Amino acid sequence: MSKTRKWKSCVAENRLMLLTVGAVIVGVGLGFILKYSAKDDTKGWTKREIMYIQFPGDLFLRMLKSLILPLILSSIISAIGSLDLSLSGKIGRRSIYYYATTTISAVILGIILVTVIQPGTYGKEEDYNTDDSQTPQRIVTTTDTILDLIRNIFPPNLVQACLSQYRTELIPPVNKSNVTNNKYEWEISSSYGDGTNTLGLVIFGIVMGIAIGRLGDRGKPLLDFFNCLSESMMFITSWVIWLSPVGVIFLVASQILQVQDFRSIVESLGMYFITVLLGLILHGFGTLSLIYFVCTRQLPFKAIGKMSQVMVTAFGTASSSATLPITLQCMDDMGVDPRISRFVVPIGATINMDGTALYEAVAAIFIAQVRRVPMSFSKIIGISITATAASIGAAGIPQAGLVTMVMVLNTVGLPDKDVTLILAVDWLLDRFRTTVNVMCDALAAIIIEKMSKDELKSMDSPVYEDLAEATELTRMQKLED
């Protein structure tokens, strides 16, 4: 009888995770059933029909994304504002060291695997999809991309930063008789593209939190406001989380329907897919686990098991930003100090993209192998640096890595259109690398909390006591429900 009760208790505590895992399985099954039951086998499902199927999943994503902006700002400001300034500096440095170490390790691992396995030598150029119409149209150099990244750190208008981000655009010469292929000689223009400037808002949140902390008692009313905003957003997040199984079913099913030919993927891109997936597995359960063990003297598998809901949601949505609210909720449920999790996780979701960095390094060298372009040591170093910078600048949205992939290809001297060589499998790999990105962010919060435990205990912060009490109340109410 006790075993039965224990089993029921385990199922009750993990029912959301089980529902989400089941949703992925149902989504895959539904996708294949619909794909091979199309009325017209020659044409398959139209884009409009796929849009209808994806509609419930789009609604779920829209609800999650609507929480990102208020959650990031309130979490960072409340976390930093309630910390001692000397402690926040130490936590910030530890976060940077951790994220730099994991990103560089991911790039090095990816380069080693793709150089040893050489997946690009297994197929012919004509085997790959080269539909130029699917190529990202933005023309830009590596230097411009890095400068844009720095510019977006300092947004001139915070309201505008909530809606768009600055980007440089190059204009090809009009006079065809004097055309040059050197993009550095083209005319320079600029625009504000759609998409929240998350990096700029994060920096503003950090500065605002530091300013509130320096105000002391005078800043407490403003800090209380952000604490209340953060807690209310976590309540809303807990409501939206329960819709995730439904959203995941239709998101996964619609992606299955968009794949044209699974046979060609297996034949021509199989080794590339295996190389990236192997790298992500080794990094997630090898490199990150080793770092976790060295820093905490504990095995990470129990913590990873508790993060299963986060990882499944990341796989289903393919968006680290959309998964951010669920990651913070999971950290609260695991008892991670809110001052740490609400500072480390939002920053990680913005600048730490281990899976993307590994994928871009592998993809660039893979395309070079397909095109039979020799790779010198200097080019490999260039790819390492560019892939790291590109991963920082990648937005936390589905398949954002394809856009930053262009600057990595420029480092190797390959044309932008070669991005289309990997489009057939990118949608699936995107889900795996997002899962690794999110897992790395969550482990960062646990590691940094354990490394800062003595310093946290020495603090006497009434603001934090209120925040911790509210977090514990939220967790208990969730368990009661």
Protein backbone atom coordinates (compact mmCIF):
# COMPACT_ATOMS: atom_id res chain seq x y z
CA MET A 1 0.00 0.00 0.00
CA SER A 2 2.84 2.36 0.85
CA LYS A 3 4.43 1.68 -2.53
CA THR A 4 1.16 2.49 -4.25
CA ARG A 5 0.88 5.77 -2.38
CA LYS A 6 4.49 6.61 -3.15
CA TRP A 7 3.88 5.85 -6.85
CA LYS A 8 0.76 8.03 -6.91
CA SER A 9 2.62 10.82 -5.13
CA CYS A 10 5.46 10.62 -7.66
CA VAL A 11 3.01 10.74 -10.58
CA ALA A 12 1.14 13.66 -9.00
CA GLU A 13 4.34 15.67 -8.52
CA ASN A 14 5.54 15.01 -12.07
CA ARG A 15 2.22 14.95 -13.90
CA LEU A 16 2.98 18.10 -15.88
CA MET A 17 6.31 16.72 -17.04
CA LEU A 18 4.68 13.40 -17.99
CA LEU A 19 1.95 15.23 -19.89
CA THR A 20 4.52 17.29 -21.80
CA VAL A 21 6.61 14.23 -22.71
CA GLY A 22 3.43 12.51 -23.84
CA ALA A 23 2.57 15.61 -25.87
CA VAL A 24 5.85 15.36 -27.80
CA ILE A 25 5.15 11.69 -28.59
CA VAL A 26 1.56 12.44 -29.59
CA GLY A 27 2.74 15.39 -31.71
CA VAL A 28 5.22 13.22 -33.62
CA GLY A 29 2.59 10.51 -34.14
CA LEU A 30 -0.04 13.03 -35.22
CA GLY A 31 2.40 14.64 -37.62
CA PHE A 32 3.24 11.38 -39.36
CA ILE A 33 -0.42 10.28 -39.50
CA LEU A 34 -1.48 13.56 -41.08
CA LYS A 35 1.53 13.64 -43.40
CA TYR A 36 0.84 10.23 -44.92
CA SER A 37 -2.92 10.62 -45.01
CA ALA A 38 -2.90 13.71 -47.20
CA LYS A 39 -5.60 13.81 -49.85
CA ASP A 40 -3.08 14.51 -52.59
CA ASP A 41 0.16 12.59 -52.03
CA THR A 42 1.95 14.53 -54.77
CA LYS A 43 1.37 17.95 -53.17
CA GLY A 44 0.97 17.02 -49.51
CA TRP A 45 -0.34 19.58 -47.07
CA THR A 46 -0.57 23.21 -48.17
CA LYS A 47 1.02 26.01 -46.16
CA ARG A 48 -2.41 27.27 -45.15
CA GLU A 49 -3.47 23.85 -43.85
CA ILE A 50 -0.24 23.56 -41.86
CA MET A 51 -0.88 27.05 -40.48
CA TYR A 52 -4.27 25.91 -39.21
CA ILE A 53 -2.70 22.90 -37.48
CA GLN A 54 0.03 25.06 -35.93
CA PHE A 55 -2.45 27.70 -34.71
CA PRO A 56 -2.96 26.33 -31.14
CA GLY A 57 0.81 26.04 -30.73
CA ASP A 58 1.26 29.62 -31.94
CA LEU A 59 -1.19 30.83 -29.30
CA PHE A 60 0.81 29.03 -26.60
CA LEU A 61 4.06 30.60 -27.85
CA ARG A 62 2.48 34.05 -27.94
CA MET A 63 1.37 33.69 -24.33
CA LEU A 64 4.84 32.63 -23.24
CA LYS A 65 6.57 35.40 -25.18
CA SER A 66 4.25 38.00 -23.67
CA LEU A 67 5.72 37.15 -20.26
CA ILE A 68 9.36 37.53 -21.30
CA LEU A 69 9.80 41.30 -21.17
CA PRO A 70 8.19 42.04 -17.76
CA LEU A 71 9.67 38.87 -16.30
CA ILE A 72 13.25 39.61 -17.38
CA LEU A 73 13.25 43.21 -16.18
CA SER A 74 11.47 42.57 -12.87
CA SER A 75 13.55 39.45 -12.10
CA ILE A 76 16.91 41.07 -12.75
CA ILE A 77 16.10 44.35 -10.99
CA SER A 78 14.61 42.63 -7.92
CA ALA A 79 17.50 40.16 -7.73
CA ILE A 80 20.29 42.71 -8.02
CA GLY A 81 18.50 45.36 -5.94
CA SER A 82 18.18 42.98 -2.98
CA LEU A 83 21.81 41.87 -3.16
CA ASP A 84 24.77 43.46 -1.48
CA LEU A 85 26.67 45.28 -4.23
CA SER A 86 29.91 43.47 -3.47
CA LEU A 87 28.08 40.15 -3.69
CA SER A 88 26.34 41.01 -6.97
CA GLY A 89 29.72 41.78 -8.48
CA LYS A 90 31.05 38.37 -7.41
CA ILE A 91 27.96 36.61 -8.78
CA GLY A 92 28.29 38.52 -12.05
CA ARG A 93 31.94 37.51 -12.42
CA ARG A 94 31.16 33.89 -11.61
CA SER A 95 28.36 33.91 -14.19
CA ILE A 96 30.66 35.33 -16.87
CA TYR A 97 33.40 32.79 -16.08
CA TYR A 98 30.89 29.94 -16.22
CA TYR A 99 29.22 31.02 -19.46
CA ALA A 100 32.54 31.79 -21.17
CA THR A 101 33.94 28.40 -20.16
CA THR A 102 30.90 26.43 -21.36
CA THR A 103 30.60 28.32 -24.67
CA ILE A 104 34.29 27.97 -25.55
CA SER A 105 34.19 24.28 -24.57
CA ALA A 106 31.16 23.73 -26.83
CA VAL A 107 32.88 25.34 -29.82
CA ILE A 108 36.08 23.35 -29.32
CA LEU A 109 34.14 20.09 -28.93
CA GLY A 110 32.16 20.80 -32.11
CA ILE A 111 35.29 21.56 -34.14
CA ILE A 112 37.02 18.38 -32.91
CA LEU A 113 34.03 16.18 -33.80
CA VAL A 114 33.40 17.64 -37.26
CA THR A 115 37.14 17.47 -38.08
CA VAL A 116 37.40 13.82 -36.99
CA ILE A 117 34.09 12.53 -38.41
CA GLN A 118 34.15 14.76 -41.54
CA PRO A 119 30.42 14.45 -42.33
CA GLY A 120 30.71 16.67 -45.41
CA THR A 121 32.75 14.03 -47.23
CA TYR A 122 29.90 11.47 -47.14
CA GLY A 123 27.72 13.08 -49.79
CA LYS A 124 27.81 15.01 -53.04
CA GLU A 125 26.99 18.68 -53.47
CA GLU A 126 23.96 17.90 -55.62
CA ASP A 127 22.45 15.78 -52.82
CA TYR A 128 21.70 18.83 -50.70
CA ASN A 129 18.80 21.26 -50.77
CA THR A 130 19.96 24.57 -52.25
CA ASP A 131 16.73 26.51 -52.49
CA ASP A 132 17.97 30.12 -52.63
CA SER A 133 14.49 31.43 -51.86
CA GLN A 134 14.88 30.22 -48.26
CA THR A 135 18.18 32.01 -47.72
CA PRO A 136 18.22 34.81 -45.13
CA GLN A 137 18.23 37.98 -47.23
CA ARG A 138 20.17 40.29 -44.93
CA ILE A 139 23.62 41.20 -46.29
CA VAL A 140 26.17 41.91 -43.56
CA THR A 141 29.83 41.38 -42.65
CA THR A 142 31.24 39.77 -39.55
CA THR A 143 32.56 43.12 -38.29
CA ASP A 144 29.17 44.77 -38.72
CA THR A 145 27.44 42.00 -36.80
CA ILE A 146 29.81 42.34 -33.86
CA LEU A 147 29.46 46.13 -33.86
CA ASP A 148 25.67 45.80 -33.95
CA LEU A 149 25.88 43.52 -30.93
CA ILE A 150 27.78 46.22 -29.03
CA ARG A 151 25.41 48.97 -30.22
CA ASN A 152 22.39 47.03 -28.97
CA ILE A 153 23.93 46.88 -25.51
CA PHE A 154 23.26 50.64 -25.30
CA PRO A 155 19.76 51.24 -26.74
CA PRO A 156 19.02 54.96 -27.36
CA ASN A 157 15.34 54.47 -26.56
CA LEU A 158 14.09 51.91 -24.03
CA VAL A 159 10.57 51.87 -25.47
CA GLN A 160 11.99 51.18 -28.92
CA ALA A 161 14.24 48.46 -27.43
CA CYS A 162 11.09 46.62 -26.36
CA LEU A 163 10.02 46.36 -30.01
CA SER A 164 13.08 46.35 -32.25
CA GLN A 165 16.86 46.18 -32.40
CA TYR A 166 19.44 48.06 -34.47
CA ARG A 167 21.10 46.37 -37.41
CA THR A 168 23.51 47.43 -40.13
CA GLU A 169 22.63 46.72 -43.77
CA LEU A 170 24.91 46.83 -46.79
CA ILE A 171 23.71 48.14 -50.17
CA PRO A 172 25.30 46.52 -53.28
CA PRO A 173 26.61 48.93 -55.95
CA VAL A 174 23.98 49.95 -58.53
CA ASN A 175 26.48 50.39 -61.37
CA LYS A 176 26.93 46.83 -62.64
CA SER A 177 30.05 47.75 -64.63
CA ASN A 178 31.88 48.55 -61.43
CA VAL A 179 30.58 45.81 -59.12
CA THR A 180 32.92 44.66 -56.35
CA ASN A 181 32.55 41.52 -54.26
CA ASN A 182 34.24 43.19 -51.32
CA LYS A 183 31.33 43.95 -48.99
CA TYR A 184 33.49 46.31 -46.95
CA GLU A 185 33.39 48.72 -49.91
CA TRP A 186 29.58 48.71 -50.24
CA GLU A 187 27.40 51.54 -49.04
CA ILE A 188 26.31 51.32 -45.39
CA SER A 189 22.72 51.70 -44.24
CA SER A 190 20.87 50.82 -41.05
CA SER A 191 17.41 49.93 -39.82
CA TYR A 192 15.56 48.66 -36.77
CA GLY A 193 14.42 45.08 -37.30
CA ASP A 194 11.52 43.43 -35.54
CA GLY A 195 12.42 41.69 -32.30
CA THR A 196 13.00 42.77 -28.72
CA ASN A 197 16.49 44.06 -27.94
CA THR A 198 16.78 41.68 -25.00
CA LEU A 199 20.49 42.28 -24.47
CA GLY A 200 20.02 46.04 -24.11
CA LEU A 201 17.11 45.59 -21.70
CA VAL A 202 19.12 43.13 -19.60
CA ILE A 203 21.97 45.64 -19.28
CA PHE A 204 19.47 48.34 -18.32
CA GLY A 205 17.94 46.01 -15.71
CA ILE A 206 21.37 45.34 -14.21
CA VAL A 207 22.21 49.06 -14.01
CA MET A 208 18.78 49.86 -12.53
CA GLY A 209 19.17 47.10 -9.91
CA ILE A 210 22.60 48.42 -8.91
CA ALA A 211 21.19 51.97 -8.63
CA ILE A 212 18.30 50.81 -6.43
CA GLY A 213 20.74 48.87 -4.25
CA ARG A 214 22.87 51.99 -3.73
CA LEU A 215 19.80 54.03 -2.70
CA GLY A 216 19.30 51.82 0.36
CA ASP A 217 16.08 52.51 2.26
CA ARG A 218 15.07 55.24 -0.18
CA GLY A 219 14.98 52.69 -3.00
CA LYS A 220 12.95 50.11 -1.06
CA PRO A 221 9.50 51.24 -2.39
CA LEU A 222 10.69 50.87 -5.99
CA LEU A 223 12.33 47.53 -5.17
CA ASP A 224 9.08 46.34 -3.55
CA PHE A 225 7.27 47.21 -6.77
CA PHE A 226 9.61 45.08 -8.88
CA ASN A 227 9.43 42.25 -6.32
CA CYS A 228 5.63 42.26 -6.56
CA LEU A 229 5.77 42.44 -10.35
CA SER A 230 8.17 39.50 -10.45
CA GLU A 231 5.98 37.39 -8.16
CA SER A 232 2.79 38.22 -10.08
CA MET A 233 4.51 37.24 -13.35
CA MET A 234 5.48 33.91 -11.79
CA PHE A 235 1.83 33.31 -10.85
CA ILE A 236 0.77 33.98 -14.44
CA THR A 237 3.58 31.74 -15.66
CA SER A 238 2.30 28.84 -13.56
CA TRP A 239 -1.10 29.21 -15.26
CA VAL A 240 0.37 29.28 -18.77
CA ILE A 241 2.63 26.29 -18.04
CA TRP A 242 -0.37 23.99 -17.80
CA LEU A 243 -1.21 24.77 -21.42
CA SER A 244 2.20 23.57 -22.61
CA PRO A 245 1.16 19.96 -23.47
CA VAL A 246 -1.52 21.20 -25.87
CA GLY A 247 0.78 23.74 -27.47
CA VAL A 248 3.64 21.25 -27.87
CA ILE A 249 1.42 18.70 -29.66
CA PHE A 250 0.53 21.10 -32.47
CA LEU A 251 3.97 22.73 -32.71
CA VAL A 252 5.69 19.36 -33.20
CA ALA A 253 3.01 18.01 -35.57
CA SER A 254 3.20 21.10 -37.81
CA GLN A 255 7.00 20.80 -38.06
CA ILE A 256 6.71 17.16 -39.13
CA LEU A 257 4.32 18.19 -41.90
CA GLN A 258 6.76 20.78 -43.27
CA VAL A 259 9.51 18.23 -43.99
CA GLN A 260 9.37 17.31 -47.67
CA ASP A 261 11.46 14.15 -47.94
CA PHE A 262 12.73 12.20 -44.93
CA ARG A 263 14.61 9.76 -47.17
CA SER A 264 16.88 12.46 -48.63
CA ILE A 265 17.58 13.76 -45.14
CA VAL A 266 18.70 10.35 -43.94
CA GLU A 267 20.81 9.68 -47.04
CA SER A 268 22.62 13.00 -47.47
CA LEU A 269 22.51 14.82 -44.13
CA GLY A 270 22.53 11.88 -41.74
CA MET A 271 26.20 12.15 -40.76
CA TYR A 272 25.93 15.90 -40.21
CA PHE A 273 22.88 15.37 -38.01
CA ILE A 274 24.66 12.64 -36.02
CA THR A 275 27.76 14.83 -35.57
CA VAL A 276 25.81 17.79 -34.17
CA LEU A 277 23.61 15.57 -32.00
CA LEU A 278 26.65 13.68 -30.65
CA GLY A 279 28.31 17.00 -29.82
CA LEU A 280 25.23 18.27 -28.00
CA ILE A 281 24.92 15.04 -25.98
CA LEU A 282 28.61 15.02 -25.05
CA HIS A 283 28.48 18.69 -24.08
CA GLY A 284 25.23 18.44 -22.13
CA PHE A 285 25.92 15.22 -20.26
CA GLY A 286 29.73 15.32 -20.42
CA THR A 287 31.22 18.81 -20.28
CA LEU A 288 28.44 20.45 -18.27
CA SER A 289 28.22 17.47 -15.93
CA LEU A 290 31.98 17.59 -15.33
CA ILE A 291 31.86 21.33 -14.59
CA TYR A 292 28.92 20.74 -12.24
CA PHE A 293 30.80 17.98 -10.39
CA VAL A 294 34.00 20.04 -10.09
CA CYS A 295 32.12 23.08 -8.72
CA THR A 296 29.67 21.30 -6.40
CA ARG A 297 31.28 17.89 -5.72
CA GLN A 298 27.93 16.30 -6.62
CA LEU A 299 26.67 14.36 -9.61
CA PRO A 300 24.28 16.44 -11.74
CA PHE A 301 21.85 13.73 -12.81
CA LYS A 302 19.41 14.26 -9.95
CA ALA A 303 19.26 17.99 -10.72
CA ILE A 304 18.88 17.30 -14.45
CA GLY A 305 16.03 14.90 -13.69
CA LYS A 306 14.19 17.67 -11.82
CA MET A 307 14.62 19.91 -14.87
CA SER A 308 12.85 17.49 -17.20
CA GLN A 309 9.79 19.75 -17.57
CA VAL A 310 12.04 22.64 -18.63
CA MET A 311 13.97 20.53 -21.12
CA VAL A 312 10.85 19.03 -22.68
CA THR A 313 9.31 22.50 -23.03
CA ALA A 314 12.52 23.80 -24.61
CA PHE A 315 12.44 20.92 -27.09
CA GLY A 316 8.79 21.56 -27.92
CA THR A 317 9.03 25.34 -28.35
CA ALA A 318 12.60 25.55 -29.74
CA SER A 319 12.93 28.90 -27.93
CA SER A 320 15.09 29.56 -24.89
CA SER A 321 13.34 32.90 -24.37
CA ALA A 322 9.90 31.30 -24.40
CA THR A 323 11.13 28.68 -21.91
CA LEU A 324 12.55 31.31 -19.53
CA PRO A 325 9.40 31.65 -17.35
CA ILE A 326 9.22 27.88 -16.92
CA THR A 327 12.95 27.72 -16.07
CA LEU A 328 12.52 30.29 -13.31
CA GLN A 329 9.49 28.43 -11.98
CA CYS A 330 11.50 25.20 -11.94
CA MET A 331 14.38 26.88 -10.07
CA ASP A 332 11.91 28.08 -7.42
CA ASP A 333 10.48 24.56 -7.09
CA MET A 334 14.00 23.18 -6.65
CA GLY A 335 14.68 25.65 -3.84
CA VAL A 336 17.33 27.70 -5.65
CA ASP A 337 17.84 31.11 -4.03
CA PRO A 338 15.68 33.60 -6.00
CA ARG A 339 18.42 36.23 -5.77
CA ILE A 340 20.65 33.92 -7.79
CA SER A 341 18.19 32.32 -10.21
CA ARG A 342 16.51 35.60 -11.18
CA PHE A 343 19.87 37.15 -11.93
CA VAL A 344 21.72 34.27 -13.58
CA VAL A 345 18.98 32.59 -15.65
CA PRO A 346 17.68 35.65 -17.58
CA ILE A 347 21.24 36.67 -18.45
CA GLY A 348 22.01 33.12 -19.56
CA ALA A 349 18.88 33.00 -21.72
CA THR A 350 20.12 36.16 -23.43
CA ILE A 351 23.85 35.66 -23.97
CA ASN A 352 24.59 31.97 -23.29
CA MET A 353 23.89 29.73 -26.28
CA ASP A 354 26.22 26.73 -25.96
CA GLY A 355 24.20 24.54 -28.31
CA THR A 356 24.05 27.28 -30.93
CA ALA A 357 27.80 27.91 -30.72
CA LEU A 358 28.57 24.20 -31.18
CA TYR A 359 26.08 23.88 -34.03
CA GLU A 360 27.42 26.91 -35.93
CA ALA A 361 31.03 25.72 -35.68
CA VAL A 362 30.06 22.24 -36.94
CA ALA A 363 27.78 23.61 -39.68
CA ALA A 364 30.41 26.01 -41.07
CA ILE A 365 33.11 23.33 -41.34
CA PHE A 366 30.56 20.81 -42.66
CA ILE A 367 29.57 23.17 -45.49
CA ALA A 368 33.25 23.81 -46.23
CA GLN A 369 33.76 20.03 -46.49
CA VAL A 370 30.78 19.71 -48.84
CA ARG A 371 32.21 22.48 -51.06
CA ARG A 372 35.68 20.89 -50.79
CA VAL A 373 37.17 24.08 -49.30
CA PRO A 374 40.39 23.31 -47.37
CA MET A 375 40.39 24.39 -43.74
CA SER A 376 43.58 25.99 -42.44
CA PHE A 377 44.34 26.45 -38.76
CA SER A 378 43.74 30.21 -39.03
CA LYS A 379 40.28 29.61 -40.53
CA ILE A 380 39.40 27.21 -37.72
CA ILE A 381 40.46 29.82 -35.14
CA GLY A 382 38.37 32.39 -37.01
CA ILE A 383 35.36 30.07 -36.93
CA SER A 384 35.83 29.53 -33.19
CA ILE A 385 35.83 33.25 -32.42
CA THR A 386 33.00 34.06 -34.85
CA ALA A 387 30.79 31.17 -33.69
CA THR A 388 31.20 32.33 -30.08
CA ALA A 389 30.27 35.92 -30.98
CA ALA A 390 27.40 34.76 -33.18
CA SER A 391 25.93 32.62 -30.41
CA ILE A 392 25.89 35.65 -28.09
CA GLY A 393 24.09 37.69 -30.71
CA ALA A 394 21.56 34.98 -31.60
CA ALA A 395 18.01 35.70 -30.52
CA GLY A 396 16.31 33.14 -28.28
CA ILE A 397 13.71 32.28 -30.92
CA PRO A 398 13.26 29.23 -33.20
CA GLN A 399 15.99 28.87 -35.86
CA ALA A 400 17.56 32.27 -35.08
CA GLY A 401 20.96 30.59 -35.57
CA LEU A 402 20.39 30.52 -39.34
CA VAL A 403 20.71 34.31 -39.49
CA THR A 404 23.92 34.51 -37.46
CA MET A 405 25.21 31.53 -39.43
CA VAL A 406 25.82 33.91 -42.33
CA MET A 407 28.64 35.73 -40.53
CA VAL A 408 30.29 32.38 -39.67
CA LEU A 409 30.22 31.35 -43.33
CA ASN A 410 31.83 34.65 -44.31
CA THR A 411 34.75 33.74 -42.05
CA VAL A 412 35.38 30.62 -44.14
CA GLY A 413 34.87 32.53 -47.40
CA LEU A 414 31.68 30.67 -48.36
CA PRO A 415 28.63 32.34 -49.98
CA ASP A 416 25.62 33.20 -47.81
CA LYS A 417 23.30 30.96 -49.83
CA ASP A 418 25.10 27.85 -48.52
CA VAL A 419 23.01 28.19 -45.37
CA THR A 420 20.34 26.36 -47.36
CA LEU A 421 22.45 23.18 -47.38
CA ILE A 422 21.40 22.43 -43.79
CA LEU A 423 17.83 23.73 -43.83
CA ALA A 424 16.32 20.26 -44.15
CA VAL A 425 17.41 19.18 -40.67
CA ASP A 426 17.85 22.53 -38.94
CA TRP A 427 14.31 22.56 -37.54
CA LEU A 428 14.98 19.37 -35.55
CA LEU A 429 18.54 20.18 -34.50
CA ASP A 430 17.26 23.56 -33.33
CA ARG A 431 15.16 21.79 -30.71
CA PHE A 432 18.08 19.75 -29.41
CA ARG A 433 20.45 22.73 -29.17
CA THR A 434 17.78 24.83 -27.44
CA THR A 435 17.41 22.06 -24.86
CA VAL A 436 21.16 22.19 -24.18
CA ASN A 437 21.08 26.00 -23.96
CA VAL A 438 18.32 25.94 -21.35
CA MET A 439 19.91 23.10 -19.39
CA CYS A 440 23.18 25.06 -19.20
CA ASP A 441 21.36 28.14 -17.84
CA ALA A 442 19.58 26.13 -15.15
CA LEU A 443 22.77 24.35 -14.05
CA ALA A 444 24.49 27.74 -13.88
CA ALA A 445 21.99 28.95 -11.29
CA ILE A 446 22.52 25.84 -9.13
CA ILE A 447 26.32 25.99 -9.40
CA ILE A 448 26.60 29.71 -8.65
CA GLU A 449 24.19 29.41 -5.72
CA LYS A 450 26.32 26.66 -4.14
CA MET A 451 29.50 28.68 -4.71
CA SER A 452 27.87 31.76 -3.11
CA LYS A 453 26.12 29.99 -0.21
CA ASP A 454 28.34 31.32 2.58
CA GLU A 455 28.06 34.87 1.27
CA LEU A 456 24.28 34.59 0.94
CA LYS A 457 23.94 33.35 4.53
CA SER A 458 25.97 36.29 5.81
CA MET A 459 23.46 38.72 4.33
CA ASP A 460 20.58 40.04 6.38
CA SER A 461 18.09 41.31 3.78
CA PRO A 462 14.46 41.87 4.85
CA VAL A 463 13.65 42.43 1.19
CA TYR A 464 14.89 38.99 0.36
CA GLU A 465 13.02 37.40 3.27
CA ASP A 466 9.77 38.77 1.82
CA LEU A 467 10.73 37.52 -1.64
CA ALA A 468 11.69 34.06 -0.39
CA GLU A 469 8.49 33.84 1.66
CA ALA A 470 6.38 34.76 -1.37
CA THR A 471 8.26 32.22 -3.52
CA GLU A 472 7.72 29.46 -0.94
CA LEU A 473 4.02 30.38 -0.71
CA THR A 474 3.70 30.11 -4.49
CA ARG A 475 5.37 26.70 -4.45
CA MET A 476 3.15 25.40 -1.64
CA GLN A 477 -0.03 26.63 -3.34
CA LYS A 478 1.05 24.90 -6.54
CA LEU A 479 1.57 21.62 -4.67
CA GLU A 480 -1.81 21.94 -2.96
CA ASP A 481 -3.52 22.54 -6.33
